[in-house]
Amino acid sequence: MKTFNRAVLSALALMLMFGVNVAQAASLDDNDAEGRLVNVRVVEVSDGRISVITREGVEHVIAVCQINTQVKRGKQYVNSKDLRVDDVVTIVLDEEKPVKFAKNIEVREMVAENHP
């Protein structure tokens, strides 16, 4: 009987730990529930799309358009082709579209680090 009780308690503890991890992952990564992906890193740039990766390691493919997507680098608006790999960006998605489509992209300005 003791072995059965331990097995049940162990199973419950595992289920509880798994449930907490799933809830944490959902709350950390679901930036786009608000229609935004905040501080994601660009890993690929092409004519019609970009690929970004979150801090948690989740990759998103985002459609971009030279006409309808506004890209802001600092105080200046630039072309979507001017995005570079390793840029850290915040993306506002167009929630009207059935695919992830970038309405606005803002590139975070990186401060140059001084290396000795």
C-alpha atoms as a PDB file:
ATOM      1  CA  MET A   1       0.000   0.000   0.000  1.00  0.00           C
ATOM      2  CA  LYS A   2       2.863   2.368   0.815  1.00  0.00           C
ATOM      3  CA  THR A   3       4.420   1.744  -2.590  1.00  0.00           C
ATOM      4  CA  PHE A   4       1.118   2.571  -4.294  1.00  0.00           C
ATOM      5  CA  ASN A   5       0.784   5.836  -2.323  1.00  0.00           C
ATOM      6  CA  ARG A   6       4.342   6.866  -3.204  1.00  0.00           C
ATOM      7  CA  ALA A   7       3.750   6.103  -6.864  1.00  0.00           C
ATOM      8  CA  VAL A   8       0.560   8.201  -6.888  1.00  0.00           C
ATOM      9  CA  LEU A   9       2.274  11.083  -5.083  1.00  0.00           C
ATOM     10  CA  SER A  10       5.230  10.919  -7.480  1.00  0.00           C
ATOM     11  CA  ALA A  11       2.922  10.975 -10.485  1.00  0.00           C
ATOM     12  CA  LEU A  12       1.012  13.958  -9.083  1.00  0.00           C
ATOM     13  CA  ALA A  13       4.241  15.833  -8.393  1.00  0.00           C
ATOM     14  CA  LEU A  14       5.445  15.206 -11.959  1.00  0.00           C
ATOM     15  CA  MET A  15       2.153  16.388 -13.433  1.00  0.00           C
ATOM     16  CA  LEU A  16       2.261  19.525 -11.284  1.00  0.00           C
ATOM     17  CA  MET A  17       5.842  20.331 -12.323  1.00  0.00           C
ATOM     18  CA  PHE A  18       5.030  19.749 -15.996  1.00  0.00           C
ATOM     19  CA  GLY A  19       1.935  21.960 -15.773  1.00  0.00           C
ATOM     20  CA  VAL A  20       3.894  24.810 -14.189  1.00  0.00           C
ATOM     21  CA  ASN A  21       6.573  24.609 -16.912  1.00  0.00           C
ATOM     22  CA  VAL A  22       3.971  24.697 -19.681  1.00  0.00           C
ATOM     23  CA  ALA A  23       2.263  27.708 -18.106  1.00  0.00           C
ATOM     24  CA  GLN A  24       5.574  29.548 -17.735  1.00  0.00           C
ATOM     25  CA  ALA A  25       6.570  28.839 -21.333  1.00  0.00           C
ATOM     26  CA  ALA A  26       3.230  30.086 -22.604  1.00  0.00           C
ATOM     27  CA  SER A  27       3.438  33.288 -20.592  1.00  0.00           C
ATOM     28  CA  LEU A  28       7.062  33.998 -21.584  1.00  0.00           C
ATOM     29  CA  ASP A  29       6.862  33.372 -25.303  1.00  0.00           C
ATOM     30  CA  ASP A  30       3.401  34.417 -26.386  1.00  0.00           C
ATOM     31  CA  ASN A  31       4.335  38.011 -27.138  1.00  0.00           C
ATOM     32  CA  ASP A  32       2.223  37.940 -30.274  1.00  0.00           C
ATOM     33  CA  ALA A  33      -0.976  37.440 -28.266  1.00  0.00           C
ATOM     34  CA  GLU A  34      -0.924  41.247 -28.127  1.00  0.00           C
ATOM     35  CA  GLY A  35       0.066  41.465 -31.783  1.00  0.00           C
ATOM     36  CA  ARG A  36       3.706  42.210 -30.968  1.00  0.00           C
ATOM     37  CA  LEU A  37       7.010  40.394 -30.841  1.00  0.00           C
ATOM     38  CA  VAL A  38       9.311  42.338 -28.515  1.00  0.00           C
ATOM     39  CA  ASN A  39      13.127  42.250 -28.631  1.00  0.00           C
ATOM     40  CA  VAL A  40      13.452  39.364 -31.053  1.00  0.00           C
ATOM     41  CA  ARG A  41      16.635  38.725 -33.036  1.00  0.00           C
ATOM     42  CA  VAL A  42      16.608  38.614 -36.850  1.00  0.00           C
ATOM     43  CA  VAL A  43      18.157  35.374 -38.121  1.00  0.00           C
ATOM     44  CA  GLU A  44      17.245  35.561 -41.826  1.00  0.00           C
ATOM     45  CA  VAL A  45      16.193  38.291 -44.257  1.00  0.00           C
ATOM     46  CA  SER A  46      14.743  37.781 -47.737  1.00  0.00           C
ATOM     47  CA  ASP A  47      12.576  39.825 -50.119  1.00  0.00           C
ATOM     48  CA  GLY A  48       9.195  38.770 -48.772  1.00  0.00           C
ATOM     49  CA  ARG A  49       9.886  37.553 -45.256  1.00  0.00           C
ATOM     50  CA  ILE A  50      12.147  37.628 -42.248  1.00  0.00           C
ATOM     51  CA  SER A  51      12.828  34.966 -39.661  1.00  0.00           C
ATOM     52  CA  VAL A  52      13.211  35.999 -36.048  1.00  0.00           C
ATOM     53  CA  ILE A  53      13.986  34.069 -32.899  1.00  0.00           C
ATOM     54  CA  THR A  54      12.792  34.873 -29.384  1.00  0.00           C
ATOM     55  CA  ARG A  55      14.920  34.733 -26.237  1.00  0.00           C
ATOM     56  CA  GLU A  56      13.296  31.383 -25.483  1.00  0.00           C
ATOM     57  CA  GLY A  57      14.501  29.965 -28.810  1.00  0.00           C
ATOM     58  CA  VAL A  58      11.186  29.970 -30.689  1.00  0.00           C
ATOM     59  CA  GLU A  59      11.499  30.919 -34.370  1.00  0.00           C
ATOM     60  CA  HIS A  60       8.824  32.937 -36.179  1.00  0.00           C
ATOM     61  CA  VAL A  61       8.603  33.598 -39.911  1.00  0.00           C
ATOM     62  CA  ILE A  62       7.118  37.033 -40.574  1.00  0.00           C
ATOM     63  CA  ALA A  63       5.921  38.285 -43.958  1.00  0.00           C
ATOM     64  CA  VAL A  64       7.130  41.777 -44.919  1.00  0.00           C
ATOM     65  CA  CYS A  65       6.266  44.106 -47.785  1.00  0.00           C
ATOM     66  CA  GLN A  66       8.390  46.975 -49.082  1.00  0.00           C
ATOM     67  CA  ILE A  67       5.277  49.163 -49.388  1.00  0.00           C
ATOM     68  CA  ASN A  68       3.105  48.175 -46.404  1.00  0.00           C
ATOM     69  CA  THR A  69       5.747  47.413 -43.760  1.00  0.00           C
ATOM     70  CA  GLN A  70       7.306  50.429 -42.059  1.00  0.00           C
ATOM     71  CA  VAL A  71      10.813  49.813 -40.730  1.00  0.00           C
ATOM     72  CA  LYS A  72      12.302  52.362 -38.356  1.00  0.00           C
ATOM     73  CA  ARG A  73      16.007  52.379 -37.482  1.00  0.00           C
ATOM     74  CA  GLY A  74      16.602  55.036 -34.839  1.00  0.00           C
ATOM     75  CA  LYS A  75      14.672  58.108 -35.952  1.00  0.00           C
ATOM     76  CA  GLN A  76      14.774  57.254 -39.653  1.00  0.00           C
ATOM     77  CA  TYR A  77      12.455  55.067 -41.726  1.00  0.00           C
ATOM     78  CA  VAL A  78      14.322  52.615 -43.959  1.00  0.00           C
ATOM     79  CA  ASN A  79      13.470  49.886 -46.451  1.00  0.00           C
ATOM     80  CA  SER A  80      12.707  46.377 -45.177  1.00  0.00           C
ATOM     81  CA  LYS A  81      15.722  45.180 -47.201  1.00  0.00           C
ATOM     82  CA  ASP A  82      17.921  47.217 -44.837  1.00  0.00           C
ATOM     83  CA  LEU A  83      17.246  44.791 -41.981  1.00  0.00           C
ATOM     84  CA  ARG A  84      20.322  42.774 -41.083  1.00  0.00           C
ATOM     85  CA  VAL A  85      20.921  39.437 -39.416  1.00  0.00           C
ATOM     86  CA  ASP A  86      21.414  39.898 -35.643  1.00  0.00           C
ATOM     87  CA  ASP A  87      19.331  43.099 -35.517  1.00  0.00           C
ATOM     88  CA  VAL A  88      17.186  43.142 -32.383  1.00  0.00           C
ATOM     89  CA  VAL A  89      13.698  44.333 -33.332  1.00  0.00           C
ATOM     90  CA  THR A  90      10.189  44.851 -32.053  1.00  0.00           C
ATOM     91  CA  ILE A  91       7.509  43.832 -34.552  1.00  0.00           C
ATOM     92  CA  VAL A  92       3.890  44.956 -34.581  1.00  0.00           C
ATOM     93  CA  LEU A  93       1.835  42.380 -36.473  1.00  0.00           C
ATOM     94  CA  ASP A  94      -1.126  43.149 -38.690  1.00  0.00           C
ATOM     95  CA  GLU A  95      -3.901  41.221 -36.964  1.00  0.00           C
ATOM     96  CA  GLU A  96      -6.204  41.559 -39.992  1.00  0.00           C
ATOM     97  CA  LYS A  97      -4.052  39.194 -42.070  1.00  0.00           C
ATOM     98  CA  PRO A  98      -4.348  35.393 -41.746  1.00  0.00           C
ATOM     99  CA  VAL A  99      -0.526  35.006 -41.697  1.00  0.00           C
ATOM    100  CA  LYS A 100       2.012  36.769 -39.486  1.00  0.00           C
ATOM    101  CA  PHE A 101       2.527  39.999 -41.414  1.00  0.00           C
ATOM    102  CA  ALA A 102       4.677  42.849 -40.086  1.00  0.00           C
ATOM    103  CA  LYS A 103       2.925  46.203 -40.065  1.00  0.00           C
ATOM    104  CA  ASN A 104       5.721  48.026 -38.181  1.00  0.00           C
ATOM    105  CA  ILE A 105       9.268  47.001 -37.310  1.00  0.00           C
ATOM    106  CA  GLU A 106      11.480  49.022 -35.009  1.00  0.00           C
ATOM    107  CA  VAL A 107      15.169  48.190 -34.809  1.00  0.00           C
ATOM    108  CA  ARG A 108      16.650  48.592 -31.350  1.00  0.00           C
ATOM    109  CA  GLU A 109      19.769  50.696 -31.446  1.00  0.00           C
ATOM    110  CA  MET A 110      22.721  48.828 -30.047  1.00  0.00           C
ATOM    111  CA  VAL A 111      25.197  50.751 -27.903  1.00  0.00           C
ATOM    112  CA  ALA A 112      28.774  50.070 -28.980  1.00  0.00           C
ATOM    113  CA  GLU A 113      30.651  48.190 -26.295  1.00  0.00           C
ATOM    114  CA  ASN A 114      34.157  49.258 -25.375  1.00  0.00           C
ATOM    115  CA  HIS A 115      36.557  46.345 -25.427  1.00  0.00           C
ATOM    116  CA  PRO A 116      40.020  46.742 -23.857  1.00  0.00           C
END
